[in-house]
Amino acid sequence: MAQQPQPKPRSADNNSTDTRDPEQVLLRCAYDADIDGVIAALKAGADVNTTDPVMGLTALHIAVGTNNLALTRILVEDWKAEFKPDGTGRWPTSIAAHARVDEALCDYIVEAEEKVLYPE
């Protein structure tokens, strides 16, 4: 009996970012740690604070949760990503703690979030 072809996971689908919706491209590239793709999506008009409709995550939440300091810095410093809770109420700092990210990212996100929430 011949085996049925198995569906590819979304992350393995090379055409998953081949869409005209810049917000979907932004989120897909954030999940894939594709910094150039994230920047291109933002330049194409994607809202840096767009939220994944299923998980309630922004690109910033994704960057933090995937331990991507470079992308986190770009989103915060260059594109002014908002610090806000995700769809389940977790702030970027909470995601950093739960994901056990590197110390450098943890320090950065705590300091950046503090500056936004408690300006001098």
PDB file of N, CA and C in Angstrom:
ATOM      1  N   MET A   1       0.846  -1.168   0.000  1.00  0.00           N
ATOM      2  CA  MET A   1       0.000   0.000   0.000  1.00  0.00           C
ATOM      3  C   MET A   1       0.900   1.243   0.000  1.00  0.00           C
ATOM      4  N   ALA A   2       0.605   2.190  -0.873  1.00  0.00           N
ATOM      5  CA  ALA A   2       1.402   3.412  -0.991  1.00  0.00           C
ATOM      6  C   ALA A   2       1.107   4.346   0.173  1.00  0.00           C
ATOM      7  N   GLN A   3       2.164   4.995   0.635  1.00  0.00           N
ATOM      8  CA  GLN A   3       1.988   5.955   1.720  1.00  0.00           C
ATOM      9  C   GLN A   3       1.385   7.239   1.187  1.00  0.00           C
ATOM     10  N   GLN A   4       0.528   7.829   1.983  1.00  0.00           N
ATOM     11  CA  GLN A   4      -0.052   9.118   1.629  1.00  0.00           C
ATOM     12  C   GLN A   4       0.962  10.203   1.938  1.00  0.00           C
ATOM     13  N   PRO A   5       1.061  11.215   1.087  1.00  0.00           N
ATOM     14  CA  PRO A   5       1.993  12.306   1.386  1.00  0.00           C
ATOM     15  C   PRO A   5       1.577  13.032   2.653  1.00  0.00           C
ATOM     16  N   GLN A   6       2.562  13.360   3.450  1.00  0.00           N
ATOM     17  CA  GLN A   6       2.309  14.064   4.696  1.00  0.00           C
ATOM     18  C   GLN A   6       2.358  15.571   4.452  1.00  0.00           C
ATOM     19  N   PRO A   7       1.448  16.314   5.071  1.00  0.00           N
ATOM     20  CA  PRO A   7       1.500  17.762   4.905  1.00  0.00           C
ATOM     21  C   PRO A   7       2.746  18.331   5.565  1.00  0.00           C
ATOM     22  N   LYS A   8       3.293  19.368   4.941  1.00  0.00           N
ATOM     23  CA  LYS A   8       4.465  20.029   5.512  1.00  0.00           C
ATOM     24  C   LYS A   8       4.020  20.976   6.617  1.00  0.00           C
ATOM     25  N   PRO A   9       4.812  21.092   7.695  1.00  0.00           N
ATOM     26  CA  PRO A   9       4.486  22.115   8.691  1.00  0.00           C
ATOM     27  C   PRO A   9       4.622  23.494   8.059  1.00  0.00           C
ATOM     28  N   ARG A  10       3.892  24.462   8.598  1.00  0.00           N
ATOM     29  CA  ARG A  10       3.923  25.809   8.027  1.00  0.00           C
ATOM     30  C   ARG A  10       5.327  26.366   7.937  1.00  0.00           C
ATOM     31  N   SER A  11       6.146  26.096   8.948  1.00  0.00           N
ATOM     32  CA  SER A  11       7.498  26.652   8.941  1.00  0.00           C
ATOM     33  C   SER A  11       8.352  26.062   7.826  1.00  0.00           C
ATOM     34  N   ALA A  12       7.971  24.893   7.342  1.00  0.00           N
ATOM     35  CA  ALA A  12       8.742  24.264   6.266  1.00  0.00           C
ATOM     36  C   ALA A  12       8.259  24.691   4.886  1.00  0.00           C
ATOM     37  N   ASP A  13       7.163  25.412   4.840  1.00  0.00           N
ATOM     38  CA  ASP A  13       6.593  25.843   3.570  1.00  0.00           C
ATOM     39  C   ASP A  13       7.295  27.106   3.100  1.00  0.00           C
ATOM     40  N   ASN A  14       8.144  26.962   2.108  1.00  0.00           N
ATOM     41  CA  ASN A  14       8.917  28.104   1.628  1.00  0.00           C
ATOM     42  C   ASN A  14       8.044  29.194   1.041  1.00  0.00           C
ATOM     43  N   ASN A  15       6.819  28.879   0.701  1.00  0.00           N
ATOM     44  CA  ASN A  15       5.925  29.875   0.135  1.00  0.00           C
ATOM     45  C   ASN A  15       5.074  30.562   1.196  1.00  0.00           C
ATOM     46  N   SER A  16       5.275  30.235   2.483  1.00  0.00           N
ATOM     47  CA  SER A  16       4.434  30.803   3.527  1.00  0.00           C
ATOM     48  C   SER A  16       4.606  32.313   3.633  1.00  0.00           C
ATOM     49  N   THR A  17       5.733  32.849   3.217  1.00  0.00           N
ATOM     50  CA  THR A  17       5.913  34.293   3.262  1.00  0.00           C
ATOM     51  C   THR A  17       5.609  34.940   1.920  1.00  0.00           C
ATOM     52  N   ASP A  18       5.167  34.147   0.951  1.00  0.00           N
ATOM     53  CA  ASP A  18       4.862  34.671  -0.365  1.00  0.00           C
ATOM     54  C   ASP A  18       3.418  35.157  -0.391  1.00  0.00           C
ATOM     55  N   THR A  19       3.138  36.176   0.374  1.00  0.00           N
ATOM     56  CA  THR A  19       1.811  36.745   0.474  1.00  0.00           C
ATOM     57  C   THR A  19       1.916  38.248   0.326  1.00  0.00           C
ATOM     58  N   ARG A  20       0.840  38.865  -0.017  1.00  0.00           N
ATOM     59  CA  ARG A  20       0.831  40.317  -0.165  1.00  0.00           C
ATOM     60  C   ARG A  20       0.499  41.022   1.145  1.00  0.00           C
ATOM     61  N   ASP A  21       0.150  40.291   2.186  1.00  0.00           N
ATOM     62  CA  ASP A  21      -0.201  40.882   3.476  1.00  0.00           C
ATOM     63  C   ASP A  21       1.075  41.115   4.287  1.00  0.00           C
ATOM     64  N   PRO A  22       1.531  42.363   4.384  1.00  0.00           N
ATOM     65  CA  PRO A  22       2.803  42.623   5.078  1.00  0.00           C
ATOM     66  C   PRO A  22       2.788  42.204   6.551  1.00  0.00           C
ATOM     67  N   GLU A  23       1.631  42.246   7.198  1.00  0.00           N
ATOM     68  CA  GLU A  23       1.571  41.843   8.606  1.00  0.00           C
ATOM     69  C   GLU A  23       1.855  40.350   8.764  1.00  0.00           C
ATOM     70  N   GLN A  24       1.291  39.545   7.880  1.00  0.00           N
ATOM     71  CA  GLN A  24       1.546  38.106   7.946  1.00  0.00           C
ATOM     72  C   GLN A  24       3.006  37.801   7.618  1.00  0.00           C
ATOM     73  N   VAL A  25       3.561  38.531   6.662  1.00  0.00           N
ATOM     74  CA  VAL A  25       4.976  38.366   6.323  1.00  0.00           C
ATOM     75  C   VAL A  25       5.837  38.735   7.529  1.00  0.00           C
ATOM     76  N   LEU A  26       5.503  39.838   8.177  1.00  0.00           N
ATOM     77  CA  LEU A  26       6.251  40.284   9.361  1.00  0.00           C
ATOM     78  C   LEU A  26       6.279  39.193  10.430  1.00  0.00           C
ATOM     79  N   LEU A  27       5.120  38.674  10.776  1.00  0.00           N
ATOM     80  CA  LEU A  27       5.055  37.665  11.832  1.00  0.00           C
ATOM     81  C   LEU A  27       5.755  36.373  11.426  1.00  0.00           C
ATOM     82  N   ARG A  28       5.565  35.951  10.175  1.00  0.00           N
ATOM     83  CA  ARG A  28       6.228  34.724   9.710  1.00  0.00           C
ATOM     84  C   ARG A  28       7.744  34.887   9.761  1.00  0.00           C
ATOM     85  N   CYS A  29       8.236  36.036   9.317  1.00  0.00           N
ATOM     86  CA  CYS A  29       9.683  36.272   9.335  1.00  0.00           C
ATOM     87  C   CYS A  29      10.206  36.368  10.763  1.00  0.00           C
ATOM     88  N   ALA A  30       9.424  36.933  11.667  1.00  0.00           N
ATOM     89  CA  ALA A  30       9.835  36.983  13.077  1.00  0.00           C
ATOM     90  C   ALA A  30       9.961  35.570  13.632  1.00  0.00           C
ATOM     91  N   TYR A  31       8.983  34.713  13.358  1.00  0.00           N
ATOM     92  CA  TYR A  31       9.053  33.311  13.796  1.00  0.00           C
ATOM     93  C   TYR A  31      10.272  32.607  13.204  1.00  0.00           C
ATOM     94  N   ASP A  32      10.614  32.957  11.965  1.00  0.00           N
ATOM     95  CA  ASP A  32      11.735  32.323  11.276  1.00  0.00           C
ATOM     96  C   ASP A  32      13.086  32.978  11.574  1.00  0.00           C
ATOM     97  N   ALA A  33      13.090  34.006  12.431  1.00  0.00           N
ATOM     98  CA  ALA A  33      14.310  34.755  12.759  1.00  0.00           C
ATOM     99  C   ALA A  33      14.950  35.365  11.510  1.00  0.00           C
ATOM    100  N   ASP A  34      14.117  35.760  10.572  1.00  0.00           N
ATOM    101  CA  ASP A  34      14.559  36.353   9.312  1.00  0.00           C
ATOM    102  C   ASP A  34      14.545  37.876   9.460  1.00  0.00           C
ATOM    103  N   ILE A  35      15.644  38.428   9.953  1.00  0.00           N
ATOM    104  CA  ILE A  35      15.717  39.858  10.234  1.00  0.00           C
ATOM    105  C   ILE A  35      15.512  40.674   8.967  1.00  0.00           C
ATOM    106  N   ASP A  36      16.149  40.287   7.878  1.00  0.00           N
ATOM    107  CA  ASP A  36      15.974  41.025   6.625  1.00  0.00           C
ATOM    108  C   ASP A  36      14.513  40.996   6.168  1.00  0.00           C
ATOM    109  N   GLY A  37      13.860  39.869   6.342  1.00  0.00           N
ATOM    110  CA  GLY A  37      12.448  39.751   5.983  1.00  0.00           C
ATOM    111  C   GLY A  37      11.555  40.610   6.859  1.00  0.00           C
ATOM    112  N   VAL A  38      11.866  40.673   8.152  1.00  0.00           N
ATOM    113  CA  VAL A  38      11.108  41.537   9.071  1.00  0.00           C
ATOM    114  C   VAL A  38      11.242  42.992   8.639  1.00  0.00           C
ATOM    115  N   ILE A  39      12.468  43.419   8.379  1.00  0.00           N
ATOM    116  CA  ILE A  39      12.698  44.808   7.973  1.00  0.00           C
ATOM    117  C   ILE A  39      11.996  45.105   6.648  1.00  0.00           C
ATOM    118  N   ALA A  40      12.065  44.184   5.710  1.00  0.00           N
ATOM    119  CA  ALA A  40      11.396  44.383   4.420  1.00  0.00           C
ATOM    120  C   ALA A  40       9.886  44.504   4.608  1.00  0.00           C
ATOM    121  N   ALA A  41       9.314  43.674   5.472  1.00  0.00           N
ATOM    122  CA  ALA A  41       7.868  43.746   5.728  1.00  0.00           C
ATOM    123  C   ALA A  41       7.493  45.078   6.362  1.00  0.00           C
ATOM    124  N   LEU A  42       8.316  45.542   7.277  1.00  0.00           N
ATOM    125  CA  LEU A  42       8.052  46.840   7.914  1.00  0.00           C
ATOM    126  C   LEU A  42       8.156  47.973   6.899  1.00  0.00           C
ATOM    127  N   LYS A  43       9.156  47.906   6.047  1.00  0.00           N
ATOM    128  CA  LYS A  43       9.304  48.923   5.002  1.00  0.00           C
ATOM    129  C   LYS A  43       8.164  48.867   3.990  1.00  0.00           C
ATOM    130  N   ALA A  44       7.559  47.682   3.839  1.00  0.00           N
ATOM    131  CA  ALA A  44       6.436  47.514   2.916  1.00  0.00           C
ATOM    132  C   ALA A  44       5.117  47.962   3.540  1.00  0.00           C
ATOM    133  N   GLY A  45       5.171  48.384   4.801  1.00  0.00           N
ATOM    134  CA  GLY A  45       3.973  48.927   5.429  1.00  0.00           C
ATOM    135  C   GLY A  45       3.374  48.114   6.555  1.00  0.00           C
ATOM    136  N   ALA A  46       4.016  47.040   6.950  1.00  0.00           N
ATOM    137  CA  ALA A  46       3.494  46.251   8.066  1.00  0.00           C
ATOM    138  C   ALA A  46       3.527  47.080   9.346  1.00  0.00           C
ATOM    139  N   ASP A  47       2.516  46.916  10.153  1.00  0.00           N
ATOM    140  CA  ASP A  47       2.453  47.569  11.460  1.00  0.00           C
ATOM    141  C   ASP A  47       3.332  46.771  12.420  1.00  0.00           C
ATOM    142  N   VAL A  48       4.328  47.427  13.007  1.00  0.00           N
ATOM    143  CA  VAL A  48       5.256  46.738  13.904  1.00  0.00           C
ATOM    144  C   VAL A  48       4.529  46.099  15.086  1.00  0.00           C
ATOM    145  N   ASN A  49       3.349  46.610  15.425  1.00  0.00           N
ATOM    146  CA  ASN A  49       2.598  46.100  16.573  1.00  0.00           C
ATOM    147  C   ASN A  49       1.460  45.162  16.188  1.00  0.00           C
ATOM    148  N   THR A  50       1.468  44.700  14.940  1.00  0.00           N
ATOM    149  CA  THR A  50       0.420  43.763  14.526  1.00  0.00           C
ATOM    150  C   THR A  50       0.476  42.515  15.391  1.00  0.00           C
ATOM    151  N   THR A  51      -0.668  41.935  15.623  1.00  0.00           N
ATOM    152  CA  THR A  51      -0.780  40.798  16.530  1.00  0.00           C
ATOM    153  C   THR A  51      -1.221  39.549  15.783  1.00  0.00           C
ATOM    154  N   ASP A  52      -0.545  38.449  16.058  1.00  0.00           N
ATOM    155  CA  ASP A  52      -0.930  37.156  15.508  1.00  0.00           C
ATOM    156  C   ASP A  52      -2.341  36.845  16.009  1.00  0.00           C
ATOM    157  N   PRO A  53      -3.294  36.606  15.102  1.00  0.00           N
ATOM    158  CA  PRO A  53      -4.677  36.398  15.531  1.00  0.00           C
ATOM    159  C   PRO A  53      -4.900  35.125  16.344  1.00  0.00           C
ATOM    160  N   VAL A  54      -4.032  34.164  16.230  1.00  0.00           N
ATOM    161  CA  VAL A  54      -4.203  32.908  16.960  1.00  0.00           C
ATOM    162  C   VAL A  54      -3.553  32.972  18.338  1.00  0.00           C
ATOM    163  N   MET A  55      -2.300  33.407  18.390  1.00  0.00           N
ATOM    164  CA  MET A  55      -1.540  33.392  19.630  1.00  0.00           C
ATOM    165  C   MET A  55      -1.537  34.729  20.367  1.00  0.00           C
ATOM    166  N   GLY A  56      -1.903  35.797  19.680  1.00  0.00           N
ATOM    167  CA  GLY A  56      -1.912  37.111  20.315  1.00  0.00           C
ATOM    168  C   GLY A  56      -0.531  37.694  20.516  1.00  0.00           C
ATOM    169  N   LEU A  57       0.439  37.230  19.734  1.00  0.00           N
ATOM    170  CA  LEU A  57       1.821  37.683  19.867  1.00  0.00           C
ATOM    171  C   LEU A  57       2.142  38.744  18.822  1.00  0.00           C
ATOM    172  N   THR A  58       2.963  39.712  19.224  1.00  0.00           N
ATOM    173  CA  THR A  58       3.520  40.665  18.271  1.00  0.00           C
ATOM    174  C   THR A  58       4.908  40.173  17.870  1.00  0.00           C
ATOM    175  N   ALA A  59       5.509  40.833  16.890  1.00  0.00           N
ATOM    176  CA  ALA A  59       6.873  40.474  16.493  1.00  0.00           C
ATOM    177  C   ALA A  59       7.835  40.616  17.671  1.00  0.00           C
ATOM    178  N   LEU A  60       7.587  41.591  18.549  1.00  0.00           N
ATOM    179  CA  LEU A  60       8.449  41.762  19.720  1.00  0.00           C
ATOM    180  C   LEU A  60       8.341  40.561  20.656  1.00  0.00           C
ATOM    181  N   HIS A  61       7.137  40.113  20.925  1.00  0.00           N
ATOM    182  CA  HIS A  61       6.969  38.919  21.769  1.00  0.00           C
ATOM    183  C   HIS A  61       7.680  37.715  21.156  1.00  0.00           C
ATOM    184  N   ILE A  62       7.548  37.576  19.847  1.00  0.00           N
ATOM    185  CA  ILE A  62       8.169  36.449  19.148  1.00  0.00           C
ATOM    186  C   ILE A  62       9.690  36.539  19.232  1.00  0.00           C
ATOM    187  N   ALA A  63      10.237  37.733  18.984  1.00  0.00           N
ATOM    188  CA  ALA A  63      11.692  37.921  19.037  1.00  0.00           C
ATOM    189  C   ALA A  63      12.235  37.590  20.420  1.00  0.00           C
ATOM    190  N   VAL A  64      11.543  38.046  21.454  1.00  0.00           N
ATOM    191  CA  VAL A  64      11.984  37.759  22.823  1.00  0.00           C
ATOM    192  C   VAL A  64      11.867  36.262  23.101  1.00  0.00           C
ATOM    193  N   GLY A  65      10.733  35.676  22.773  1.00  0.00           N
ATOM    194  CA  GLY A  65      10.504  34.263  23.067  1.00  0.00           C
ATOM    195  C   GLY A  65      11.429  33.318  22.333  1.00  0.00           C
ATOM    196  N   THR A  66      11.966  33.774  21.206  1.00  0.00           N
ATOM    197  CA  THR A  66      12.900  32.943  20.446  1.00  0.00           C
ATOM    198  C   THR A  66      14.354  33.320  20.713  1.00  0.00           C
ATOM    199  N   ASN A  67      14.553  34.144  21.753  1.00  0.00           N
ATOM    200  CA  ASN A  67      15.898  34.489  22.217  1.00  0.00           C
ATOM    201  C   ASN A  67      16.710  35.213  21.140  1.00  0.00           C
ATOM    202  N   ASN A  68      16.059  36.161  20.462  1.00  0.00           N
ATOM    203  CA  ASN A  68      16.690  36.860  19.348  1.00  0.00           C
ATOM    204  C   ASN A  68      16.950  38.323  19.743  1.00  0.00           C
ATOM    205  N   LEU A  69      18.102  38.561  20.364  1.00  0.00           N
ATOM    206  CA  LEU A  69      18.444  39.904  20.824  1.00  0.00           C
ATOM    207  C   LEU A  69      18.546  40.896  19.672  1.00  0.00           C
ATOM    208  N   ALA A  70      19.159  40.501  18.582  1.00  0.00           N
ATOM    209  CA  ALA A  70      19.326  41.415  17.451  1.00  0.00           C
ATOM    210  C   ALA A  70      17.975  41.895  16.928  1.00  0.00           C
ATOM    211  N   LEU A  71      17.042  40.987  16.726  1.00  0.00           N
ATOM    212  CA  LEU A  71      15.724  41.364  16.229  1.00  0.00           C
ATOM    213  C   LEU A  71      14.968  42.185  17.270  1.00  0.00           C
ATOM    214  N   THR A  72      15.094  41.818  18.526  1.00  0.00           N
ATOM    215  CA  THR A  72      14.445  42.576  19.595  1.00  0.00           C
ATOM    216  C   THR A  72      14.908  44.022  19.581  1.00  0.00           C
ATOM    217  N   ARG A  73      16.209  44.226  19.483  1.00  0.00           N
ATOM    218  CA  ARG A  73      16.759  45.595  19.465  1.00  0.00           C
ATOM    219  C   ARG A  73      16.264  46.379  18.253  1.00  0.00           C
ATOM    220  N   ILE A  74      16.218  45.744  17.107  1.00  0.00           N
ATOM    221  CA  ILE A  74      15.742  46.428  15.898  1.00  0.00           C
ATOM    222  C   ILE A  74      14.291  46.854  16.073  1.00  0.00           C
ATOM    223  N   LEU A  75      13.465  45.956  16.575  1.00  0.00           N
ATOM    224  CA  LEU A  75      12.046  46.277  16.759  1.00  0.00           C
ATOM    225  C   LEU A  75      11.837  47.398  17.765  1.00  0.00           C
ATOM    226  N   VAL A  76      12.592  47.379  18.846  1.00  0.00           N
ATOM    227  CA  VAL A  76      12.430  48.389  19.897  1.00  0.00           C
ATOM    228  C   VAL A  76      13.075  49.713  19.505  1.00  0.00           C
ATOM    229  N   GLU A  77      14.315  49.664  19.070  1.00  0.00           N
ATOM    230  CA  GLU A  77      15.068  50.898  18.840  1.00  0.00           C
ATOM    231  C   GLU A  77      14.767  51.556  17.493  1.00  0.00           C
ATOM    232  N   ASP A  78      14.663  50.765  16.452  1.00  0.00           N
ATOM    233  CA  ASP A  78      14.486  51.336  15.115  1.00  0.00           C
ATOM    234  C   ASP A  78      13.023  51.506  14.721  1.00  0.00           C
ATOM    235  N   TRP A  79      12.159  50.617  15.226  1.00  0.00           N
ATOM    236  CA  TRP A  79      10.765  50.630  14.783  1.00  0.00           C
ATOM    237  C   TRP A  79       9.789  50.950  15.907  1.00  0.00           C
ATOM    238  N   LYS A  80      10.298  51.215  17.109  1.00  0.00           N
ATOM    239  CA  LYS A  80       9.488  51.658  18.256  1.00  0.00           C
ATOM    240  C   LYS A  80       8.324  50.721  18.568  1.00  0.00           C
ATOM    241  N   ALA A  81       8.619  49.430  18.607  1.00  0.00           N
ATOM    242  CA  ALA A  81       7.594  48.441  18.968  1.00  0.00           C
ATOM    243  C   ALA A  81       7.050  48.761  20.357  1.00  0.00           C
ATOM    244  N   GLU A  82       5.743  48.605  20.513  1.00  0.00           N
ATOM    245  CA  GLU A  82       5.092  48.869  21.798  1.00  0.00           C
ATOM    246  C   GLU A  82       5.362  47.736  22.784  1.00  0.00           C
ATOM    247  N   PHE A  83       5.466  48.127  24.039  1.00  0.00           N
ATOM    248  CA  PHE A  83       5.524  47.144  25.122  1.00  0.00           C
ATOM    249  C   PHE A  83       4.108  46.998  25.636  1.00  0.00           C
ATOM    250  N   LYS A  84       3.543  45.829  25.404  1.00  0.00           N
ATOM    251  CA  LYS A  84       2.172  45.554  25.828  1.00  0.00           C
ATOM    252  C   LYS A  84       2.035  44.062  26.036  1.00  0.00           C
ATOM    253  N   PRO A  85       0.998  43.646  26.755  1.00  0.00           N
ATOM    254  CA  PRO A  85       0.806  42.206  26.952  1.00  0.00           C
ATOM    255  C   PRO A  85       0.372  41.511  25.671  1.00  0.00           C
ATOM    256  N   ASP A  86       0.698  40.221  25.585  1.00  0.00           N
ATOM    257  CA  ASP A  86       0.237  39.422  24.448  1.00  0.00           C
ATOM    258  C   ASP A  86      -1.207  38.999  24.696  1.00  0.00           C
ATOM    259  N   GLY A  87      -1.711  38.108  23.883  1.00  0.00           N
ATOM    260  CA  GLY A  87      -3.098  37.675  23.985  1.00  0.00           C
ATOM    261  C   GLY A  87      -3.454  36.966  25.278  1.00  0.00           C
ATOM    262  N   THR A  88      -2.453  36.497  26.015  1.00  0.00           N
ATOM    263  CA  THR A  88      -2.718  35.825  27.293  1.00  0.00           C
ATOM    264  C   THR A  88      -2.254  36.657  28.483  1.00  0.00           C
ATOM    265  N   GLY A  89      -1.896  37.927  28.228  1.00  0.00           N
ATOM    266  CA  GLY A  89      -1.527  38.825  29.306  1.00  0.00           C
ATOM    267  C   GLY A  89      -0.046  38.855  29.669  1.00  0.00           C
ATOM    268  N   ARG A  90       0.783  38.189  28.889  1.00  0.00           N
ATOM    269  CA  ARG A  90       2.223  38.154  29.204  1.00  0.00           C
ATOM    270  C   ARG A  90       2.937  39.343  28.555  1.00  0.00           C
ATOM    271  N   TRP A  91       3.705  40.052  29.337  1.00  0.00           N
ATOM    272  CA  TRP A  91       4.541  41.146  28.849  1.00  0.00           C
ATOM    273  C   TRP A  91       5.833  40.548  28.295  1.00  0.00           C
ATOM    274  N   PRO A  92       6.567  41.296  27.468  1.00  0.00           N
ATOM    275  CA  PRO A  92       7.841  40.770  26.951  1.00  0.00           C
ATOM    276  C   PRO A  92       8.794  40.287  28.047  1.00  0.00           C
ATOM    277  N   THR A  93       8.833  41.003  29.178  1.00  0.00           N
ATOM    278  CA  THR A  93       9.715  40.561  30.272  1.00  0.00           C
ATOM    279  C   THR A  93       9.272  39.210  30.832  1.00  0.00           C
ATOM    280  N   SER A  94       7.985  38.998  30.909  1.00  0.00           N
ATOM    281  CA  SER A  94       7.477  37.718  31.395  1.00  0.00           C
ATOM    282  C   SER A  94       7.831  36.592  30.428  1.00  0.00           C
ATOM    283  N   ILE A  95       7.707  36.874  29.140  1.00  0.00           N
ATOM    284  CA  ILE A  95       8.079  35.877  28.131  1.00  0.00           C
ATOM    285  C   ILE A  95       9.564  35.557  28.238  1.00  0.00           C
ATOM    286  N   ALA A  96      10.389  36.575  28.450  1.00  0.00           N
ATOM    287  CA  ALA A  96      11.839  36.358  28.597  1.00  0.00           C
ATOM    288  C   ALA A  96      12.125  35.436  29.779  1.00  0.00           C
ATOM    289  N   ALA A  97      11.433  35.652  30.878  1.00  0.00           N
ATOM    290  CA  ALA A  97      11.654  34.825  32.072  1.00  0.00           C
ATOM    291  C   ALA A  97      11.199  33.385  31.826  1.00  0.00           C
ATOM    292  N   HIS A  98      10.028  33.214  31.234  1.00  0.00           N
ATOM    293  CA  HIS A  98       9.499  31.866  31.004  1.00  0.00           C
ATOM    294  C   HIS A  98      10.293  31.112  29.944  1.00  0.00           C
ATOM    295  N   ALA A  99      10.806  31.839  28.941  1.00  0.00           N
ATOM    296  CA  ALA A  99      11.566  31.192  27.870  1.00  0.00           C
ATOM    297  C   ALA A  99      13.027  30.986  28.261  1.00  0.00           C
ATOM    298  N   ARG A 100      13.414  31.545  29.407  1.00  0.00           N
ATOM    299  CA  ARG A 100      14.792  31.426  29.889  1.00  0.00           C
ATOM    300  C   ARG A 100      15.796  31.868  28.826  1.00  0.00           C
ATOM    301  N   VAL A 101      15.601  33.091  28.366  1.00  0.00           N
ATOM    302  CA  VAL A 101      16.476  33.632  27.332  1.00  0.00           C
ATOM    303  C   VAL A 101      17.846  33.964  27.908  1.00  0.00           C
ATOM    304  N   ASP A 102      18.778  34.260  27.007  1.00  0.00           N
ATOM    305  CA  ASP A 102      20.122  34.624  27.436  1.00  0.00           C
ATOM    306  C   ASP A 102      20.089  35.847  28.345  1.00  0.00           C
ATOM    307  N   GLU A 103      21.078  35.947  29.203  1.00  0.00           N
ATOM    308  CA  GLU A 103      21.149  37.047  30.159  1.00  0.00           C
ATOM    309  C   GLU A 103      21.174  38.413  29.466  1.00  0.00           C
ATOM    310  N   ALA A 104      21.882  38.518  28.354  1.00  0.00           N
ATOM    311  CA  ALA A 104      21.963  39.801  27.638  1.00  0.00           C
ATOM    312  C   ALA A 104      20.584  40.246  27.158  1.00  0.00           C
ATOM    313  N   LEU A 105      19.797  39.331  26.605  1.00  0.00           N
ATOM    314  CA  LEU A 105      18.454  39.680  26.153  1.00  0.00           C
ATOM    315  C   LEU A 105      17.558  39.997  27.344  1.00  0.00           C
ATOM    316  N   CYS A 106      17.671  39.221  28.388  1.00  0.00           N
ATOM    317  CA  CYS A 106      16.867  39.451  29.582  1.00  0.00           C
ATOM    318  C   CYS A 106      17.150  40.848  30.148  1.00  0.00           C
ATOM    319  N   ASP A 107      18.413  41.190  30.300  1.00  0.00           N
ATOM    320  CA  ASP A 107      18.779  42.517  30.807  1.00  0.00           C
ATOM    321  C   ASP A 107      18.258  43.614  29.890  1.00  0.00           C
ATOM    322  N   TYR A 108      18.419  43.426  28.598  1.00  0.00           N
ATOM    323  CA  TYR A 108      17.987  44.436  27.633  1.00  0.00           C
ATOM    324  C   TYR A 108      16.480  44.659  27.709  1.00  0.00           C
ATOM    325  N   ILE A 109      15.700  43.599  27.697  1.00  0.00           N
ATOM    326  CA  ILE A 109      14.248  43.740  27.644  1.00  0.00           C
ATOM    327  C   ILE A 109      13.705  44.310  28.953  1.00  0.00           C
ATOM    328  N   VAL A 110      14.304  43.960  30.070  1.00  0.00           N
ATOM    329  CA  VAL A 110      13.876  44.528  31.356  1.00  0.00           C
ATOM    330  C   VAL A 110      14.137  46.031  31.365  1.00  0.00           C
ATOM    331  N   GLU A 111      15.322  46.445  30.934  1.00  0.00           N
ATOM    332  CA  GLU A 111      15.657  47.872  30.927  1.00  0.00           C
ATOM    333  C   GLU A 111      14.799  48.646  29.922  1.00  0.00           C
ATOM    334  N   ALA A 112      14.581  48.082  28.747  1.00  0.00           N
ATOM    335  CA  ALA A 112      13.788  48.769  27.728  1.00  0.00           C
ATOM    336  C   ALA A 112      12.329  48.899  28.165  1.00  0.00           C
ATOM    337  N   GLU A 113      11.783  47.840  28.723  1.00  0.00           N
ATOM    338  CA  GLU A 113      10.397  47.888  29.186  1.00  0.00           C
ATOM    339  C   GLU A 113      10.251  48.875  30.337  1.00  0.00           C
ATOM    340  N   GLU A 114      11.215  48.898  31.230  1.00  0.00           N
ATOM    341  CA  GLU A 114      11.183  49.826  32.359  1.00  0.00           C
ATOM    342  C   GLU A 114      11.176  51.278  31.880  1.00  0.00           C
ATOM    343  N   LYS A 115      11.980  51.600  30.865  1.00  0.00           N
ATOM    344  CA  LYS A 115      12.025  52.959  30.316  1.00  0.00           C
ATOM    345  C   LYS A 115      10.673  53.386  29.755  1.00  0.00           C
ATOM    346  N   VAL A 116       9.972  52.447  29.165  1.00  0.00           N
ATOM    347  CA  VAL A 116       8.656  52.759  28.577  1.00  0.00           C
ATOM    348  C   VAL A 116       7.598  52.893  29.674  1.00  0.00           C
ATOM    349  N   LEU A 117       7.596  51.973  30.618  1.00  0.00           N
ATOM    350  CA  LEU A 117       6.549  51.959  31.634  1.00  0.00           C
ATOM    351  C   LEU A 117       6.771  52.959  32.751  1.00  0.00           C
ATOM    352  N   TYR A 118       8.026  53.292  33.028  1.00  0.00           N
ATOM    353  CA  TYR A 118       8.363  54.200  34.112  1.00  0.00           C
ATOM    354  C   TYR A 118       9.324  55.275  33.642  1.00  0.00           C
ATOM    355  N   PRO A 119       8.876  56.140  32.735  1.00  0.00           N
ATOM    356  CA  PRO A 119       9.793  57.189  32.223  1.00  0.00           C
ATOM    357  C   PRO A 119      10.181  58.139  33.349  1.00  0.00           C
ATOM    358  N   GLU A 120      11.356  58.695  33.218  1.00  0.00           N
ATOM    359  CA  GLU A 120      11.855  59.618  34.262  1.00  0.00           C
ATOM    360  C   GLU A 120      11.127  60.930  34.219  1.00  0.00           C
TER     361      GLU A 120
END
